[in-house]
Structure formats: C-alpha cells, structure tokens
PDB file of N, CA and C in Angstrom:
ATOM      1  N   UNK A   1      91.746 107.717 106.088  1.00  0.00           N
ATOM      2  CA  UNK A   1      91.707 109.049 106.486  1.00  0.00           C
ATOM      3  C   UNK A   1      92.971 109.352 107.564  1.00  0.00           C
ATOM      4  N   UNK A   2      93.035 108.382 108.369  1.00  0.00           N
ATOM      5  CA  UNK A   2      93.962 108.429 109.348  1.00  0.00           C
ATOM      6  C   UNK A   2      95.439 108.487 108.756  1.00  0.00           C
ATOM      7  N   UNK A   3      95.579 107.527 107.764  1.00  0.00           N
ATOM      8  CA  UNK A   3      96.892 107.599 107.032  1.00  0.00           C
ATOM      9  C   UNK A   3      97.207 108.824 106.350  1.00  0.00           C
ATOM     10  N   UNK A   4      96.335 109.515 105.824  1.00  0.00           N
ATOM     11  CA  UNK A   4      96.417 110.750 105.165  1.00  0.00           C
ATOM     12  C   UNK A   4      96.585 111.826 106.005  1.00  0.00           C
ATOM     13  N   UNK A   5      95.985 111.834 107.134  1.00  0.00           N
ATOM     14  CA  UNK A   5      96.209 112.770 108.297  1.00  0.00           C
ATOM     15  C   UNK A   5      97.494 112.598 108.908  1.00  0.00           C
ATOM     16  N   UNK A   6      98.093 111.374 108.996  1.00  0.00           N
ATOM     17  CA  UNK A   6      99.313 111.219 109.488  1.00  0.00           C
ATOM     18  C   UNK A   6     100.477 111.820 108.526  1.00  0.00           C
ATOM     19  N   UNK A   7     100.293 111.561 107.170  1.00  0.00           N
ATOM     20  CA  UNK A   7     101.203 112.294 106.275  1.00  0.00           C
ATOM     21  C   UNK A   7     101.180 113.854 106.252  1.00  0.00           C
ATOM     22  N   UNK A   8      99.861 114.264 106.418  1.00  0.00           N
ATOM     23  CA  UNK A   8      99.662 115.789 106.558  1.00  0.00           C
ATOM     24  C   UNK A   8     100.330 116.360 107.885  1.00  0.00           C
ATOM     25  N   UNK A   9     100.434 115.714 108.783  1.00  0.00           N
ATOM     26  CA  UNK A   9     101.016 116.016 110.268  1.00  0.00           C
ATOM     27  C   UNK A   9     102.645 116.032 109.981  1.00  0.00           C
ATOM     28  N   UNK A  10     103.077 115.051 109.264  1.00  0.00           N
ATOM     29  CA  UNK A  10     104.660 114.866 108.987  1.00  0.00           C
ATOM     30  C   UNK A  10     104.966 116.272 108.204  1.00  0.00           C
ATOM     31  N   UNK A  11     104.288 116.442 107.124  1.00  0.00           N
ATOM     32  CA  UNK A  11     104.480 117.524 106.355  1.00  0.00           C
ATOM     33  C   UNK A  11     104.640 118.857 107.110  1.00  0.00           C
ATOM     34  N   UNK A  12     103.404 119.119 107.907  1.00  0.00           N
ATOM     35  CA  UNK A  12     103.256 120.317 108.758  1.00  0.00           C
ATOM     36  C   UNK A  12     104.566 120.322 109.570  1.00  0.00           C
ATOM     37  N   UNK A  13     104.818 119.232 110.384  1.00  0.00           N
ATOM     38  CA  UNK A  13     106.091 119.396 111.327  1.00  0.00           C
ATOM     39  C   UNK A  13     107.298 119.727 110.544  1.00  0.00           C
ATOM     40  N   UNK A  14     107.555 119.150 109.463  1.00  0.00           N
ATOM     41  CA  UNK A  14     109.003 119.271 108.723  1.00  0.00           C
ATOM     42  C   UNK A  14     108.924 120.397 108.085  1.00  0.00           C
ATOM     43  N   UNK A  15     108.197 120.796 107.012  1.00  0.00           N
ATOM     44  CA  UNK A  15     108.470 122.044 106.250  1.00  0.00           C
ATOM     45  C   UNK A  15     107.751 123.268 106.680  1.00  0.00           C
ATOM     46  N   UNK A  16     106.358 123.025 106.802  1.00  0.00           N
ATOM     47  CA  UNK A  16     105.432 124.194 106.936  1.00  0.00           C
ATOM     48  C   UNK A  16     105.889 124.866 108.403  1.00  0.00           C
ATOM     49  N   UNK A  17     106.073 124.009 109.350  1.00  0.00           N
ATOM     50  CA  UNK A  17     106.064 124.453 110.705  1.00  0.00           C
ATOM     51  C   UNK A  17     107.356 125.437 111.036  1.00  0.00           C
ATOM     52  N   UNK A  18     108.302 125.186 110.156  1.00  0.00           N
ATOM     53  CA  UNK A  18     109.684 125.827 110.456  1.00  0.00           C
ATOM     54  C   UNK A  18     109.497 127.474 110.413  1.00  0.00           C
ATOM     55  N   UNK A  19     108.778 127.840 109.289  1.00  0.00           N
ATOM     56  CA  UNK A  19     108.685 129.309 109.136  1.00  0.00           C
ATOM     57  C   UNK A  19     107.562 129.779 110.038  1.00  0.00           C
ATOM     58  N   UNK A  20     106.700 128.826 110.579  1.00  0.00           N
ATOM     59  CA  UNK A  20     105.492 129.242 111.468  1.00  0.00           C
ATOM     60  C   UNK A  20     106.144 129.486 112.840  1.00  0.00           C
ATOM     61  N   UNK A  21     107.137 128.623 113.151  1.00  0.00           N
ATOM     62  CA  UNK A  21     107.748 128.690 114.514  1.00  0.00           C
ATOM     63  C   UNK A  21     108.334 129.987 114.760  1.00  0.00           C
ATOM     64  N   UNK A  22     109.188 130.323 113.787  1.00  0.00           N
ATOM     65  CA  UNK A  22     109.664 131.822 113.936  1.00  0.00           C
ATOM     66  C   UNK A  22     108.796 132.814 114.244  1.00  0.00           C
ATOM     67  N   UNK A  23     107.560 132.851 113.458  1.00  0.00           N
ATOM     68  CA  UNK A  23     106.503 133.778 113.844  1.00  0.00           C
ATOM     69  C   UNK A  23     105.957 133.528 115.114  1.00  0.00           C
ATOM     70  N   UNK A  24     105.752 132.504 115.611  1.00  0.00           N
ATOM     71  CA  UNK A  24     105.137 132.066 116.907  1.00  0.00           C
ATOM     72  C   UNK A  24     106.201 132.684 117.937  1.00  0.00           C
ATOM     73  N   UNK A  25     107.422 132.482 117.815  1.00  0.00           N
ATOM     74  CA  UNK A  25     108.350 133.122 118.781  1.00  0.00           C
ATOM     75  C   UNK A  25     108.334 134.696 118.796  1.00  0.00           C
ATOM     76  N   UNK A  26     108.191 135.232 117.595  1.00  0.00           N
ATOM     77  CA  UNK A  26     108.150 136.657 117.728  1.00  0.00           C
ATOM     78  C   UNK A  26     106.846 137.222 118.253  1.00  0.00           C
ATOM     79  N   UNK A  27     105.678 136.336 118.127  1.00  0.00           N
ATOM     80  CA  UNK A  27     104.387 136.746 118.605  1.00  0.00           C
ATOM     81  C   UNK A  27     104.267 136.314 120.144  1.00  0.00           C
ATOM     82  N   UNK A  28     105.077 135.495 120.582  1.00  0.00           N
ATOM     83  CA  UNK A  28     105.126 134.942 121.864  1.00  0.00           C
ATOM     84  C   UNK A  28     104.129 133.831 122.189  1.00  0.00           C
ATOM     85  N   UNK A  29     103.793 132.984 121.152  1.00  0.00           N
ATOM     86  CA  UNK A  29     102.950 132.064 121.279  1.00  0.00           C
ATOM     87  C   UNK A  29     103.610 130.710 121.423  1.00  0.00           C
ATOM     88  N   UNK A  30     103.023 129.655 121.936  1.00  0.00           N
ATOM     89  CA  UNK A  30     103.632 128.356 122.245  1.00  0.00           C
ATOM     90  C   UNK A  30     103.721 127.568 120.900  1.00  0.00           C
ATOM     91  N   UNK A  31     104.850 126.826 120.710  1.00  0.00           N
ATOM     92  CA  UNK A  31     105.069 125.852 119.415  1.00  0.00           C
ATOM     93  C   UNK A  31     103.921 124.909 119.279  1.00  0.00           C
ATOM     94  N   UNK A  32     103.499 124.267 120.417  1.00  0.00           N
ATOM     95  CA  UNK A  32     102.585 123.244 120.373  1.00  0.00           C
ATOM     96  C   UNK A  32     101.155 123.839 119.944  1.00  0.00           C
ATOM     97  N   UNK A  33     100.945 124.996 120.638  1.00  0.00           N
ATOM     98  CA  UNK A  33      99.618 125.565 120.097  1.00  0.00           C
ATOM     99  C   UNK A  33      99.467 125.851 118.758  1.00  0.00           C
ATOM    100  N   UNK A  34     100.550 126.386 118.160  1.00  0.00           N
ATOM    101  CA  UNK A  34     100.697 126.752 116.683  1.00  0.00           C
ATOM    102  C   UNK A  34     100.476 125.444 115.882  1.00  0.00           C
ATOM    103  N   UNK A  35     101.258 124.363 116.268  1.00  0.00           N
ATOM    104  CA  UNK A  35     101.085 123.105 115.650  1.00  0.00           C
ATOM    105  C   UNK A  35      99.723 122.450 115.744  1.00  0.00           C
ATOM    106  N   UNK A  36      98.986 122.552 116.942  1.00  0.00           N
ATOM    107  CA  UNK A  36      97.691 122.048 117.017  1.00  0.00           C
ATOM    108  C   UNK A  36      96.776 122.829 116.021  1.00  0.00           C
ATOM    109  N   UNK A  37      96.987 124.156 116.002  1.00  0.00           N
ATOM    110  CA  UNK A  37      96.025 124.959 115.293  1.00  0.00           C
ATOM    111  C   UNK A  37      96.171 124.633 113.723  1.00  0.00           C
ATOM    112  N   UNK A  38      97.448 124.564 113.236  1.00  0.00           N
ATOM    113  CA  UNK A  38      97.613 124.166 111.858  1.00  0.00           C
ATOM    114  C   UNK A  38      97.139 122.679 111.597  1.00  0.00           C
ATOM    115  N   UNK A  39      97.317 121.807 112.456  1.00  0.00           N
ATOM    116  CA  UNK A  39      96.701 120.484 112.235  1.00  0.00           C
ATOM    117  C   UNK A  39      95.154 120.565 112.066  1.00  0.00           C
ATOM    118  N   UNK A  40      94.541 121.275 113.158  1.00  0.00           N
ATOM    119  CA  UNK A  40      93.078 121.334 112.960  1.00  0.00           C
ATOM    120  C   UNK A  40      92.798 122.026 111.671  1.00  0.00           C
ATOM    121  N   UNK A  41      93.372 122.986 111.016  1.00  0.00           N
ATOM    122  CA  UNK A  41      93.014 123.604 109.884  1.00  0.00           C
ATOM    123  C   UNK A  41      93.195 122.675 108.644  1.00  0.00           C
ATOM    124  N   UNK A  42      94.258 121.899 108.678  1.00  0.00           N
ATOM    125  CA  UNK A  42      94.568 121.019 107.591  1.00  0.00           C
ATOM    126  C   UNK A  42      93.971 119.574 107.526  1.00  0.00           C
ATOM    127  N   UNK A  43      93.806 119.001 108.761  1.00  0.00           N
ATOM    128  CA  UNK A  43      93.408 117.538 108.787  1.00  0.00           C
ATOM    129  C   UNK A  43      91.947 117.425 108.140  1.00  0.00           C
ATOM    130  N   UNK A  44      91.771 116.248 107.660  1.00  0.00           N
ATOM    131  CA  UNK A  44      90.530 115.808 107.017  1.00  0.00           C
ATOM    132  C   UNK A  44      89.712 115.280 108.026  1.00  0.00           C
ATOM    133  N   UNK A  45      88.355 115.434 108.133  1.00  0.00           N
ATOM    134  CA  UNK A  45      87.383 114.917 109.036  1.00  0.00           C
ATOM    135  C   UNK A  45      86.031 115.107 108.316  1.00  0.00           C
ATOM    136  N   UNK A  46      85.265 114.074 108.471  1.00  0.00           N
ATOM    137  CA  UNK A  46      83.707 114.140 107.859  1.00  0.00           C
ATOM    138  C   UNK A  46      83.066 115.208 108.431  1.00  0.00           C
ATOM    139  N   UNK A  47      83.206 115.550 109.811  1.00  0.00           N
ATOM    140  CA  UNK A  47      82.529 116.607 110.271  1.00  0.00           C
ATOM    141  C   UNK A  47      82.907 117.851 109.766  1.00  0.00           C
ATOM    142  N   UNK A  48      84.007 118.276 109.214  1.00  0.00           N
ATOM    143  CA  UNK A  48      84.218 119.412 108.578  1.00  0.00           C
ATOM    144  C   UNK A  48      83.688 119.612 107.207  1.00  0.00           C
ATOM    145  N   UNK A  49      83.311 118.407 106.604  1.00  0.00           N
ATOM    146  CA  UNK A  49      82.741 118.301 105.137  1.00  0.00           C
ATOM    147  C   UNK A  49      83.888 118.383 104.253  1.00  0.00           C
ATOM    148  N   UNK A  50      84.977 118.029 104.568  1.00  0.00           N
ATOM    149  CA  UNK A  50      86.025 117.872 103.667  1.00  0.00           C
ATOM    150  C   UNK A  50      86.469 116.422 103.094  1.00  0.00           C
ATOM    151  N   UNK A  51      85.492 115.559 103.453  1.00  0.00           N
ATOM    152  CA  UNK A  51      85.696 114.097 103.175  1.00  0.00           C
ATOM    153  C   UNK A  51      84.468 113.597 102.533  1.00  0.00           C
ATOM    154  N   UNK A  52      84.679 112.911 101.349  1.00  0.00           N
ATOM    155  CA  UNK A  52      83.560 112.174 100.692  1.00  0.00           C
ATOM    156  C   UNK A  52      83.874 110.714 100.655  1.00  0.00           C
ATOM    157  N   UNK A  53      82.755 109.915 100.778  1.00  0.00           N
ATOM    158  CA  UNK A  53      82.807 108.471 100.772  1.00  0.00           C
ATOM    159  C   UNK A  53      82.252 108.160  99.264  1.00  0.00           C
ATOM    160  N   UNK A  54      82.851 107.299  98.740  1.00  0.00           N
ATOM    161  CA  UNK A  54      82.601 106.836  97.227  1.00  0.00           C
ATOM    162  C   UNK A  54      82.884 105.427  96.878  1.00  0.00           C
ATOM    163  N   UNK A  55      82.197 104.869  95.743  1.00  0.00           N
ATOM    164  CA  UNK A  55      82.568 103.758  95.157  1.00  0.00           C
ATOM    165  C   UNK A  55      82.441 103.966  93.615  1.00  0.00           C
ATOM    166  N   UNK A  56      83.602 103.852  93.106  1.00  0.00           N
ATOM    167  CA  UNK A  56      83.898 103.913  91.711  1.00  0.00           C
ATOM    168  C   UNK A  56      83.189 102.842  91.023  1.00  0.00           C
ATOM    169  N   UNK A  57      83.277 101.531  91.523  1.00  0.00           N
ATOM    170  CA  UNK A  57      82.684 100.401  91.057  1.00  0.00           C
ATOM    171  C   UNK A  57      81.206 100.406  90.961  1.00  0.00           C
ATOM    172  N   UNK A  58      80.598 100.843  92.110  1.00  0.00           N
ATOM    173  CA  UNK A  58      79.163 101.027  92.176  1.00  0.00           C
ATOM    174  C   UNK A  58      78.418 102.556  91.791  1.00  0.00           C
ATOM    175  N   UNK A  59      79.350 103.369  91.379  1.00  0.00           N
ATOM    176  CA  UNK A  59      78.994 104.700  91.003  1.00  0.00           C
ATOM    177  C   UNK A  59      78.195 105.429  91.917  1.00  0.00           C
ATOM    178  N   UNK A  60      78.711 105.512  93.083  1.00  0.00           N
ATOM    179  CA  UNK A  60      77.947 106.436  94.142  1.00  0.00           C
ATOM    180  C   UNK A  60      79.015 107.197  94.867  1.00  0.00           C
ATOM    181  N   UNK A  61      78.572 108.353  95.623  1.00  0.00           N
ATOM    182  CA  UNK A  61      79.410 109.113  96.431  1.00  0.00           C
ATOM    183  C   UNK A  61      78.543 109.989  97.162  1.00  0.00           C
ATOM    184  N   UNK A  62      79.099 110.318  98.323  1.00  0.00           N
ATOM    185  CA  UNK A  62      78.292 111.214  99.330  1.00  0.00           C
ATOM    186  C   UNK A  62      79.263 111.850 100.238  1.00  0.00           C
ATOM    187  N   UNK A  63      78.780 112.895 100.876  1.00  0.00           N
ATOM    188  CA  UNK A  63      79.559 113.457 102.160  1.00  0.00           C
ATOM    189  C   UNK A  63      78.381 113.624 103.239  1.00  0.00           C
ATOM    190  N   UNK A  64      78.701 113.917 104.313  1.00  0.00           N
ATOM    191  CA  UNK A  64      77.817 113.829 105.512  1.00  0.00           C
ATOM    192  C   UNK A  64      76.712 114.880 105.180  1.00  0.00           C
ATOM    193  N   UNK A  65      76.888 115.913 104.579  1.00  0.00           N
ATOM    194  CA  UNK A  65      75.784 117.005 104.297  1.00  0.00           C
ATOM    195  C   UNK A  65      74.635 116.444 103.408  1.00  0.00           C
ATOM    196  N   UNK A  66      75.334 115.735 102.330  1.00  0.00           N
ATOM    197  CA  UNK A  66      74.243 115.160 101.396  1.00  0.00           C
ATOM    198  C   UNK A  66      73.667 113.991 102.079  1.00  0.00           C
ATOM    199  N   UNK A  67      74.298 113.202 102.821  1.00  0.00           N
ATOM    200  CA  UNK A  67      73.656 112.155 103.489  1.00  0.00           C
ATOM    201  C   UNK A  67      72.635 112.641 104.525  1.00  0.00           C
ATOM    202  N   UNK A  68      72.834 113.503 105.292  1.00  0.00           N
ATOM    203  CA  UNK A  68      71.927 114.148 106.300  1.00  0.00           C
ATOM    204  C   UNK A  68      70.799 114.683 105.590  1.00  0.00           C
ATOM    205  N   UNK A  69      70.942 115.312 104.335  1.00  0.00           N
ATOM    206  CA  UNK A  69      69.830 115.871 103.631  1.00  0.00           C
ATOM    207  C   UNK A  69      68.946 114.958 103.268  1.00  0.00           C
ATOM    208  N   UNK A  70      69.414 113.761 102.675  1.00  0.00           N
ATOM    209  CA  UNK A  70      68.624 112.840 102.059  1.00  0.00           C
ATOM    210  C   UNK A  70      67.836 111.953 103.306  1.00  0.00           C
ATOM    211  N   UNK A  71      68.621 111.673 104.323  1.00  0.00           N
ATOM    212  CA  UNK A  71      68.014 110.918 105.427  1.00  0.00           C
ATOM    213  C   UNK A  71      66.823 111.784 106.073  1.00  0.00           C
ATOM    214  N   UNK A  72      67.153 113.056 106.282  1.00  0.00           N
ATOM    215  CA  UNK A  72      66.174 114.047 106.824  1.00  0.00           C
ATOM    216  C   UNK A  72      64.843 113.992 105.845  1.00  0.00           C
ATOM    217  N   UNK A  73      65.113 114.081 104.687  1.00  0.00           N
ATOM    218  CA  UNK A  73      64.023 114.149 103.544  1.00  0.00           C
ATOM    219  C   UNK A  73      63.081 112.813 103.782  1.00  0.00           C
ATOM    220  N   UNK A  74      63.755 111.829 103.835  1.00  0.00           N
ATOM    221  CA  UNK A  74      63.134 110.505 103.968  1.00  0.00           C
ATOM    222  C   UNK A  74      62.315 110.316 105.230  1.00  0.00           C
ATOM    223  N   UNK A  75      62.826 110.912 106.375  1.00  0.00           N
ATOM    224  CA  UNK A  75      62.058 110.701 107.549  1.00  0.00           C
ATOM    225  C   UNK A  75      61.493 111.885 108.134  1.00  0.00           C
ATOM    226  N   UNK A  76      61.475 112.919 107.395  1.00  0.00           N
ATOM    227  CA  UNK A  76      60.742 114.139 107.750  1.00  0.00           C
ATOM    228  C   UNK A  76      61.423 114.964 108.733  1.00  0.00           C
ATOM    229  N   UNK A  77      62.862 114.949 108.834  1.00  0.00           N
ATOM    230  CA  UNK A  77      63.552 115.539 109.998  1.00  0.00           C
ATOM    231  C   UNK A  77      64.185 116.800 109.425  1.00  0.00           C
ATOM    232  N   UNK A  78      64.811 117.429 110.428  1.00  0.00           N
ATOM    233  CA  UNK A  78      65.658 118.683 110.146  1.00  0.00           C
ATOM    234  C   UNK A  78      67.128 118.290 109.866  1.00  0.00           C
ATOM    235  N   UNK A  79      67.480 118.559 108.535  1.00  0.00           N
ATOM    236  CA  UNK A  79      68.939 118.137 108.265  1.00  0.00           C
ATOM    237  C   UNK A  79      69.989 118.599 109.311  1.00  0.00           C
ATOM    238  N   UNK A  80      69.884 119.693 109.818  1.00  0.00           N
ATOM    239  CA  UNK A  80      70.821 120.250 110.657  1.00  0.00           C
ATOM    240  C   UNK A  80      70.854 119.753 112.098  1.00  0.00           C
ATOM    241  N   UNK A  81      69.606 119.075 112.375  1.00  0.00           N
ATOM    242  CA  UNK A  81      69.733 118.306 113.625  1.00  0.00           C
ATOM    243  C   UNK A  81      70.439 117.021 113.470  1.00  0.00           C
ATOM    244  N   UNK A  82      70.712 116.458 112.419  1.00  0.00           N
ATOM    245  CA  UNK A  82      71.319 115.207 112.112  1.00  0.00           C
ATOM    246  C   UNK A  82      72.791 115.508 112.027  1.00  0.00           C
TER     247      UNK A  82
END
C-alpha cells in the first residue's frame, strides 16, 4: 500500500498538479494545501474502505467493513463501534 501511495504521489505532483496549481493561484490557495488535499482524496487507506485484503491461493478476501461486521456478529457487538 505504501508503494502504491508513493506512485500516486509522484503522479499527482508531476502531471495532475500542474493544472491544479494554476487554479490554486487564481483562487489564492496555497500549493501545499492543494497537494495535501489531492493526496488525501486519492491515497489508498483501509480506513477509507478502498483497500481489500485477499489471498488467491486460499480463496478469501475482505475489507475492514466486512471484517468488522463478521467480528461484531460473532461477539454480539456494534459493527460501527469496531
């Protein structure tokens, strides 16, 4: 995940950010704030729900939402609390 996010950061700073910087200057925003905002939108993170854990060899996959739901069901807890 860290390596993928590193590649995403490179792509943002090289290509995507060039056009965004011009917009930021017109709107009076700071370049670093714009970069951080774009990174937060596009980075992968289990907490955002855009990451799945899987094993093709063992035929299983889950994300944190599914894991919390199953764990909560097993222990009689609220999935949102997990």
